[in-house]
Amino acid sequence: MVRSHIPQSPYSLKAIAIFAGLKPAVVEKIQRGCSWRRYEPGELIVDYLDASNDVFFLTAGEARVTIYSYVGKVVSFGELSAGEVFGEYAAIDRCSRSASVQARTSCLVAMMPADAFRRLLQTTPEVTFAVLEQIVKRTRAVTNRVYEFSTMHVSSRVQAEILRLAMLAPREGKARS
């Protein structure tokens, strides 16, 4: 018997990592509190030091997290892919944006007001712990990169970055274990 595949609506938060494990009805309730917007490649989603404080759920596409120096040098903090959340720092601490986020590909983003996100953290421990785990993971990655920059020679830093990028690459075909 062949099963028909019903595609998931792109306007869904079901694939957002911090909502994994929540009951579908809870995710649907969270979803109703969001507004939706598409961003095209190169379009700025949030800008560094902006006073906005919405939280964003990337449901489709890829984005890049950066800060540009006053002389135009780019400092890249990483890449975001579908299923990730960003903007939570400004929602939590009520400060300006800590980085810019720009669409790398066509993106579909759900936006939640900061007050609603804060209420969600207060009422849903599973989401709170998932956000905490995400923040700790990012902090550890930045700590590691600062350590490498401060202690390693350029050639060693390049090797470390190549290894880091290789670990992020999708694994295809046969691999040795």
Protein backbone atom coordinates (compact mmCIF):
# COMPACT_ATOMS: atom_id res chain seq x y z
CA MET A 1 0.00 0.00 0.00
CA VAL A 2 1.39 3.37 -1.01
CA ARG A 3 1.01 6.15 1.51
CA SER A 4 0.30 9.62 0.29
CA HIS A 5 2.65 12.25 1.60
CA ILE A 6 0.92 15.31 2.97
CA PRO A 7 3.46 18.13 2.96
CA GLN A 8 3.82 20.12 6.16
CA SER A 9 2.64 23.69 5.84
CA PRO A 10 5.58 26.08 5.64
CA TYR A 11 3.70 28.24 8.17
CA SER A 12 4.38 25.80 10.98
CA LEU A 13 6.60 25.82 14.08
CA LYS A 14 6.66 22.01 14.34
CA ALA A 15 10.29 21.83 13.13
CA ILE A 16 11.63 24.49 15.53
CA ALA A 17 14.14 22.73 17.79
CA ILE A 18 13.20 24.47 21.05
CA PHE A 19 9.61 23.22 20.63
CA ALA A 20 10.61 19.55 20.20
CA GLY A 21 8.70 17.39 22.62
CA LEU A 22 5.82 19.82 23.08
CA LYS A 23 2.32 18.58 22.33
CA PRO A 24 1.02 19.64 18.90
CA ALA A 25 -1.77 21.69 20.51
CA VAL A 26 0.81 23.68 22.50
CA VAL A 27 2.90 24.34 19.38
CA GLU A 28 -0.23 25.45 17.51
CA LYS A 29 -1.09 27.87 20.32
CA ILE A 30 2.44 29.33 20.20
CA GLN A 31 2.14 29.57 16.41
CA ARG A 32 -1.05 31.63 16.66
CA GLY A 33 0.91 34.27 18.59
CA CYS A 34 3.36 34.76 15.71
CA SER A 35 3.36 36.84 12.56
CA TRP A 36 5.07 35.59 9.40
CA ARG A 37 7.39 37.16 6.85
CA ARG A 38 9.52 36.04 3.91
CA TYR A 39 13.04 37.40 3.38
CA GLU A 40 14.97 37.18 0.13
CA PRO A 41 18.71 36.41 -0.13
CA GLY A 42 20.79 39.33 1.14
CA GLU A 43 17.87 40.94 2.96
CA LEU A 44 18.52 42.06 6.53
CA ILE A 45 16.25 40.38 9.08
CA VAL A 46 17.60 42.19 12.15
CA ASP A 47 20.33 44.81 12.41
CA TYR A 48 23.14 45.08 14.94
CA LEU A 49 22.27 47.47 17.81
CA ASP A 50 18.66 47.78 16.62
CA ALA A 51 16.23 48.46 19.48
CA SER A 52 13.67 45.88 18.32
CA ASN A 53 13.14 42.82 20.51
CA ASP A 54 10.98 40.29 18.64
CA VAL A 55 12.10 36.66 18.65
CA PHE A 56 12.45 34.92 15.29
CA PHE A 57 11.87 31.28 14.36
CA LEU A 58 13.53 30.31 11.08
CA THR A 59 11.14 27.80 9.50
CA ALA A 60 12.73 27.70 6.03
CA GLY A 61 16.02 28.86 4.55
CA GLU A 62 19.43 29.85 5.87
CA ALA A 63 20.74 33.03 7.46
CA ARG A 64 24.10 34.43 8.58
CA VAL A 65 24.86 36.10 11.93
CA THR A 66 27.40 38.93 11.66
CA ILE A 67 28.61 42.29 12.84
CA TYR A 68 30.26 44.78 10.48
CA SER A 69 33.00 47.00 11.87
CA TYR A 70 32.98 50.73 11.21
CA VAL A 71 35.49 50.19 8.39
CA GLY A 72 33.37 47.45 6.81
CA LYS A 73 35.17 44.33 8.06
CA VAL A 74 32.74 41.48 8.65
CA VAL A 75 32.87 39.38 11.81
CA SER A 76 30.88 36.20 11.25
CA PHE A 77 29.38 34.45 14.26
CA GLY A 78 27.81 31.60 12.37
CA GLU A 79 25.08 30.30 10.16
CA LEU A 80 21.45 29.59 11.01
CA SER A 81 19.30 26.98 9.32
CA ALA A 82 15.64 26.02 9.41
CA GLY A 83 14.54 24.99 12.88
CA GLU A 84 16.62 27.56 14.73
CA VAL A 85 15.60 30.55 16.85
CA PHE A 86 17.32 33.92 17.09
CA GLY A 87 16.64 37.29 18.67
CA GLU A 88 16.06 35.77 22.09
CA TYR A 89 18.92 37.74 23.70
CA ALA A 90 17.19 41.09 23.12
CA ALA A 91 13.87 39.65 24.27
CA ILE A 92 15.40 38.33 27.47
CA ASP A 93 17.65 41.23 28.52
CA ARG A 94 15.73 44.07 26.82
CA CYS A 95 18.96 45.43 25.32
CA SER A 96 19.72 46.26 21.70
CA ARG A 97 20.55 43.56 19.17
CA SER A 98 23.92 41.87 19.69
CA ALA A 99 24.42 41.06 15.97
CA SER A 100 22.87 41.36 12.54
CA VAL A 101 21.07 38.47 10.87
CA GLN A 102 20.88 38.44 7.09
CA ALA A 103 19.09 35.94 4.82
CA ARG A 104 21.51 33.78 2.82
CA THR A 105 18.70 32.06 0.95
CA SER A 106 14.99 32.71 0.70
CA CYS A 107 13.74 32.48 4.30
CA LEU A 108 10.39 32.12 6.00
CA VAL A 109 10.42 33.49 9.52
CA ALA A 110 7.84 33.50 12.31
CA MET A 111 8.14 36.48 14.66
CA MET A 112 6.98 36.55 18.27
CA PRO A 113 6.82 39.73 20.38
CA ALA A 114 9.31 39.80 23.26
CA ASP A 115 6.59 39.97 25.93
CA ALA A 116 4.92 36.84 24.55
CA PHE A 117 8.29 35.05 24.43
CA ARG A 118 9.03 36.00 28.03
CA ARG A 119 5.60 34.65 29.09
CA LEU A 120 6.34 31.45 27.16
CA LEU A 121 9.61 31.03 29.08
CA GLN A 122 7.81 31.60 32.37
CA THR A 123 5.06 29.08 31.66
CA THR A 124 6.78 26.35 29.64
CA PRO A 125 9.85 24.84 31.36
CA GLU A 126 10.65 22.60 28.37
CA VAL A 127 11.13 25.67 26.18
CA THR A 128 13.06 27.50 28.89
CA PHE A 129 15.57 24.65 29.22
CA ALA A 130 15.88 24.31 25.45
CA VAL A 131 16.68 28.04 25.16
CA LEU A 132 19.19 27.77 28.03
CA GLU A 133 20.89 24.82 26.32
CA GLN A 134 21.08 26.81 23.07
CA ILE A 135 22.60 29.84 24.82
CA VAL A 136 25.16 27.66 26.63
CA LYS A 137 26.10 25.95 23.35
CA ARG A 138 26.65 29.32 21.66
CA THR A 139 28.64 30.63 24.62
CA ARG A 140 30.91 27.56 24.58
CA ALA A 141 31.50 27.97 20.84
CA VAL A 142 32.43 31.64 21.22
CA THR A 143 34.65 30.84 24.23
CA ASN A 144 36.46 28.20 22.18
CA ARG A 145 36.99 30.60 19.27
CA VAL A 146 38.29 33.37 21.57
CA TYR A 147 40.67 30.86 23.16
CA GLU A 148 41.91 29.73 19.74
CA PHE A 149 42.36 33.31 18.56
CA SER A 150 44.24 34.26 21.72
CA THR A 151 46.53 31.23 21.95
CA MET A 152 47.06 29.71 18.50
CA HIS A 153 49.22 30.77 15.59
CA VAL A 154 47.42 31.63 12.37
CA SER A 155 48.11 28.27 10.69
CA SER A 156 46.69 26.39 13.70
CA ARG A 157 43.60 28.63 13.76
CA VAL A 158 43.02 27.95 10.06
CA GLN A 159 43.29 24.20 10.70
CA ALA A 160 40.87 24.45 13.64
CA GLU A 161 38.37 26.39 11.50
CA ILE A 162 38.61 23.84 8.66
CA LEU A 163 37.94 21.04 11.16
CA ARG A 164 34.99 22.97 12.63
CA LEU A 165 33.51 23.49 9.16
CA ALA A 166 34.07 19.83 8.27
CA MET A 167 32.11 18.81 11.36
CA LEU A 168 29.19 20.97 10.21
CA ALA A 169 29.12 19.54 6.68
CA PRO A 170 26.37 17.03 5.89
CA ARG A 171 27.59 13.47 5.86
CA GLU A 172 26.90 11.73 2.56
CA GLY A 173 27.83 8.33 1.23
CA LYS A 174 29.98 5.83 3.07
CA ALA A 175 32.04 6.97 6.03
CA ARG A 176 34.62 5.18 8.13
CA SER A 177 33.71 4.62 11.73
